[in-house]
């Protein structure tokens, strides 16, 4: 009888633990990959500061979520690689220099040994 109870409880425990979105294996710490466009999953250097907010809390009310990422320990080649990657899927740029996509807009800025991303998602 005890063996039967254990056989039922162990799978239920494993299912309960695995039922929550797993963000520990996410590209960015504490951010579910399902919340960001696939093209933003490419990384270079070391992932530094990340920030994600959703449900209309971004600065621009036309977008439902905002992602800010800093890649540290980067080179000019890293920047070029990212820009080539992003531009391959971009539909153009706006007057503020943001790359435009079906899912929103993205600004990429290289500064010292870091690359800063600001993504606004519809």
C-alpha atoms as a PDB file:
ATOM      1  CA  UNK A   1       0.000   0.000   0.000  1.00  0.00           C
ATOM      2  CA  UNK A   2       2.785   2.440   0.933  1.00  0.00           C
ATOM      3  CA  UNK A   3       4.552   1.614  -2.315  1.00  0.00           C
ATOM      4  CA  UNK A   4       1.389   2.481  -4.268  1.00  0.00           C
ATOM      5  CA  UNK A   5       1.056   5.823  -2.493  1.00  0.00           C
ATOM      6  CA  UNK A   6       4.706   6.636  -3.220  1.00  0.00           C
ATOM      7  CA  UNK A   7       4.292   5.677  -6.877  1.00  0.00           C
ATOM      8  CA  UNK A   8       1.409   8.149  -7.150  1.00  0.00           C
ATOM      9  CA  UNK A   9       2.995  10.952  -5.100  1.00  0.00           C
ATOM     10  CA  UNK A  10       6.413  11.054  -6.810  1.00  0.00           C
ATOM     11  CA  UNK A  11       5.076  11.759 -10.345  1.00  0.00           C
ATOM     12  CA  UNK A  12       2.644  14.346  -8.941  1.00  0.00           C
ATOM     13  CA  UNK A  13       5.493  16.098  -7.120  1.00  0.00           C
ATOM     14  CA  UNK A  14       7.618  16.147 -10.254  1.00  0.00           C
ATOM     15  CA  UNK A  15       4.725  17.480 -12.311  1.00  0.00           C
ATOM     16  CA  UNK A  16       4.055  20.242  -9.791  1.00  0.00           C
ATOM     17  CA  UNK A  17       7.699  21.315  -9.827  1.00  0.00           C
ATOM     18  CA  UNK A  18       7.866  21.320 -13.613  1.00  0.00           C
ATOM     19  CA  UNK A  19       4.522  23.027 -14.179  1.00  0.00           C
ATOM     20  CA  UNK A  20       5.844  26.562 -13.614  1.00  0.00           C
ATOM     21  CA  UNK A  21       7.569  28.404 -16.453  1.00  0.00           C
ATOM     22  CA  UNK A  22      11.247  27.603 -16.246  1.00  0.00           C
ATOM     23  CA  UNK A  23      13.142  30.859 -16.455  1.00  0.00           C
ATOM     24  CA  UNK A  24      16.394  29.495 -15.069  1.00  0.00           C
ATOM     25  CA  UNK A  25      17.305  28.139 -18.514  1.00  0.00           C
ATOM     26  CA  UNK A  26      16.131  31.317 -20.205  1.00  0.00           C
ATOM     27  CA  UNK A  27      18.487  33.388 -22.321  1.00  0.00           C
ATOM     28  CA  UNK A  28      18.065  36.256 -19.864  1.00  0.00           C
ATOM     29  CA  UNK A  29      17.885  35.611 -16.107  1.00  0.00           C
ATOM     30  CA  UNK A  30      14.361  35.705 -14.636  1.00  0.00           C
ATOM     31  CA  UNK A  31      12.723  36.429 -18.002  1.00  0.00           C
ATOM     32  CA  UNK A  32      10.609  33.768 -19.697  1.00  0.00           C
ATOM     33  CA  UNK A  33      11.695  33.274 -23.323  1.00  0.00           C
ATOM     34  CA  UNK A  34       8.016  33.169 -24.309  1.00  0.00           C
ATOM     35  CA  UNK A  35       7.756  36.866 -23.393  1.00  0.00           C
ATOM     36  CA  UNK A  36      10.329  38.045 -25.939  1.00  0.00           C
ATOM     37  CA  UNK A  37      10.657  37.700 -29.726  1.00  0.00           C
ATOM     38  CA  UNK A  38      12.960  34.895 -30.868  1.00  0.00           C
ATOM     39  CA  UNK A  39      15.329  37.303 -32.620  1.00  0.00           C
ATOM     40  CA  UNK A  40      16.214  38.861 -29.243  1.00  0.00           C
ATOM     41  CA  UNK A  41      17.476  35.520 -27.889  1.00  0.00           C
ATOM     42  CA  UNK A  42      20.877  35.998 -29.556  1.00  0.00           C
ATOM     43  CA  UNK A  43      23.539  37.085 -27.050  1.00  0.00           C
ATOM     44  CA  UNK A  44      27.153  38.262 -27.199  1.00  0.00           C
ATOM     45  CA  UNK A  45      29.749  38.889 -24.512  1.00  0.00           C
ATOM     46  CA  UNK A  46      28.433  38.514 -20.990  1.00  0.00           C
ATOM     47  CA  UNK A  47      24.768  39.128 -20.187  1.00  0.00           C
ATOM     48  CA  UNK A  48      24.768  41.907 -17.614  1.00  0.00           C
ATOM     49  CA  UNK A  49      21.797  43.900 -16.386  1.00  0.00           C
ATOM     50  CA  UNK A  50      18.377  42.883 -17.689  1.00  0.00           C
ATOM     51  CA  UNK A  51      15.003  44.471 -17.093  1.00  0.00           C
ATOM     52  CA  UNK A  52      11.591  43.368 -18.352  1.00  0.00           C
ATOM     53  CA  UNK A  53       8.174  44.872 -17.731  1.00  0.00           C
ATOM     54  CA  UNK A  54       4.834  44.137 -19.330  1.00  0.00           C
ATOM     55  CA  UNK A  55       1.144  45.023 -19.461  1.00  0.00           C
ATOM     56  CA  UNK A  56       1.423  48.593 -20.690  1.00  0.00           C
ATOM     57  CA  UNK A  57       3.960  49.812 -18.154  1.00  0.00           C
ATOM     58  CA  UNK A  58       6.479  50.829 -20.814  1.00  0.00           C
ATOM     59  CA  UNK A  59       7.191  54.489 -21.470  1.00  0.00           C
ATOM     60  CA  UNK A  60       5.319  54.272 -24.757  1.00  0.00           C
ATOM     61  CA  UNK A  61       1.621  53.326 -24.418  1.00  0.00           C
ATOM     62  CA  UNK A  62       1.639  51.801 -27.934  1.00  0.00           C
ATOM     63  CA  UNK A  63       3.594  48.831 -26.595  1.00  0.00           C
ATOM     64  CA  UNK A  64       2.623  46.116 -24.094  1.00  0.00           C
ATOM     65  CA  UNK A  65       6.120  45.314 -22.817  1.00  0.00           C
ATOM     66  CA  UNK A  66       9.681  46.564 -22.611  1.00  0.00           C
ATOM     67  CA  UNK A  67      13.024  44.754 -22.431  1.00  0.00           C
ATOM     68  CA  UNK A  68      16.369  46.363 -21.605  1.00  0.00           C
ATOM     69  CA  UNK A  69      19.552  44.294 -21.796  1.00  0.00           C
ATOM     70  CA  UNK A  70      23.226  45.134 -21.361  1.00  0.00           C
ATOM     71  CA  UNK A  71      25.844  42.883 -22.914  1.00  0.00           C
ATOM     72  CA  UNK A  72      29.192  43.442 -21.193  1.00  0.00           C
ATOM     73  CA  UNK A  73      32.738  42.598 -22.324  1.00  0.00           C
ATOM     74  CA  UNK A  74      31.863  43.103 -25.977  1.00  0.00           C
ATOM     75  CA  UNK A  75      33.826  44.138 -29.051  1.00  0.00           C
ATOM     76  CA  UNK A  76      33.049  46.043 -32.220  1.00  0.00           C
ATOM     77  CA  UNK A  77      32.724  42.664 -33.965  1.00  0.00           C
ATOM     78  CA  UNK A  78      30.047  41.645 -31.434  1.00  0.00           C
ATOM     79  CA  UNK A  79      28.117  44.829 -32.225  1.00  0.00           C
ATOM     80  CA  UNK A  80      28.428  44.214 -35.971  1.00  0.00           C
ATOM     81  CA  UNK A  81      27.268  40.612 -35.516  1.00  0.00           C
ATOM     82  CA  UNK A  82      24.199  41.667 -33.541  1.00  0.00           C
ATOM     83  CA  UNK A  83      23.299  44.451 -35.958  1.00  0.00           C
ATOM     84  CA  UNK A  84      23.583  42.111 -38.942  1.00  0.00           C
ATOM     85  CA  UNK A  85      21.374  39.613 -37.097  1.00  0.00           C
ATOM     86  CA  UNK A  86      18.722  42.213 -36.226  1.00  0.00           C
ATOM     87  CA  UNK A  87      18.793  43.977 -39.597  1.00  0.00           C
ATOM     88  CA  UNK A  88      18.183  40.671 -41.382  1.00  0.00           C
ATOM     89  CA  UNK A  89      14.643  40.617 -39.946  1.00  0.00           C
ATOM     90  CA  UNK A  90      13.966  44.354 -39.583  1.00  0.00           C
ATOM     91  CA  UNK A  91      11.372  46.078 -41.752  1.00  0.00           C
ATOM     92  CA  UNK A  92      13.270  49.398 -41.613  1.00  0.00           C
ATOM     93  CA  UNK A  93      13.994  52.200 -39.160  1.00  0.00           C
ATOM     94  CA  UNK A  94      11.976  55.040 -37.665  1.00  0.00           C
ATOM     95  CA  UNK A  95      12.901  58.706 -37.218  1.00  0.00           C
ATOM     96  CA  UNK A  96      14.505  57.943 -33.836  1.00  0.00           C
ATOM     97  CA  UNK A  97      16.863  55.309 -35.272  1.00  0.00           C
ATOM     98  CA  UNK A  98      14.977  52.299 -33.895  1.00  0.00           C
ATOM     99  CA  UNK A  99      14.892  49.130 -35.989  1.00  0.00           C
ATOM    100  CA  UNK A 100      11.285  48.251 -36.800  1.00  0.00           C
ATOM    101  CA  UNK A 101       9.777  44.746 -36.624  1.00  0.00           C
ATOM    102  CA  UNK A 102       6.291  43.214 -36.792  1.00  0.00           C
ATOM    103  CA  UNK A 103       6.526  42.728 -33.021  1.00  0.00           C
ATOM    104  CA  UNK A 104       7.707  46.278 -32.194  1.00  0.00           C
ATOM    105  CA  UNK A 105      10.936  48.282 -32.275  1.00  0.00           C
ATOM    106  CA  UNK A 106      14.514  47.904 -31.087  1.00  0.00           C
ATOM    107  CA  UNK A 107      17.325  50.340 -30.326  1.00  0.00           C
ATOM    108  CA  UNK A 108      20.906  49.064 -30.118  1.00  0.00           C
ATOM    109  CA  UNK A 109      23.720  51.223 -28.771  1.00  0.00           C
ATOM    110  CA  UNK A 110      27.422  50.393 -28.304  1.00  0.00           C
ATOM    111  CA  UNK A 111      29.092  52.166 -25.396  1.00  0.00           C
ATOM    112  CA  UNK A 112      32.630  51.459 -24.142  1.00  0.00           C
ATOM    113  CA  UNK A 113      32.827  47.654 -23.911  1.00  0.00           C
ATOM    114  CA  UNK A 114      29.058  47.195 -23.668  1.00  0.00           C
ATOM    115  CA  UNK A 115      26.064  46.924 -25.968  1.00  0.00           C
ATOM    116  CA  UNK A 116      22.711  48.230 -24.757  1.00  0.00           C
ATOM    117  CA  UNK A 117      19.389  46.952 -26.139  1.00  0.00           C
ATOM    118  CA  UNK A 118      16.031  48.634 -25.649  1.00  0.00           C
ATOM    119  CA  UNK A 119      13.110  46.701 -27.118  1.00  0.00           C
ATOM    120  CA  UNK A 120       9.483  47.810 -27.121  1.00  0.00           C
ATOM    121  CA  UNK A 121       7.041  44.991 -27.916  1.00  0.00           C
ATOM    122  CA  UNK A 122       3.434  45.348 -29.089  1.00  0.00           C
END
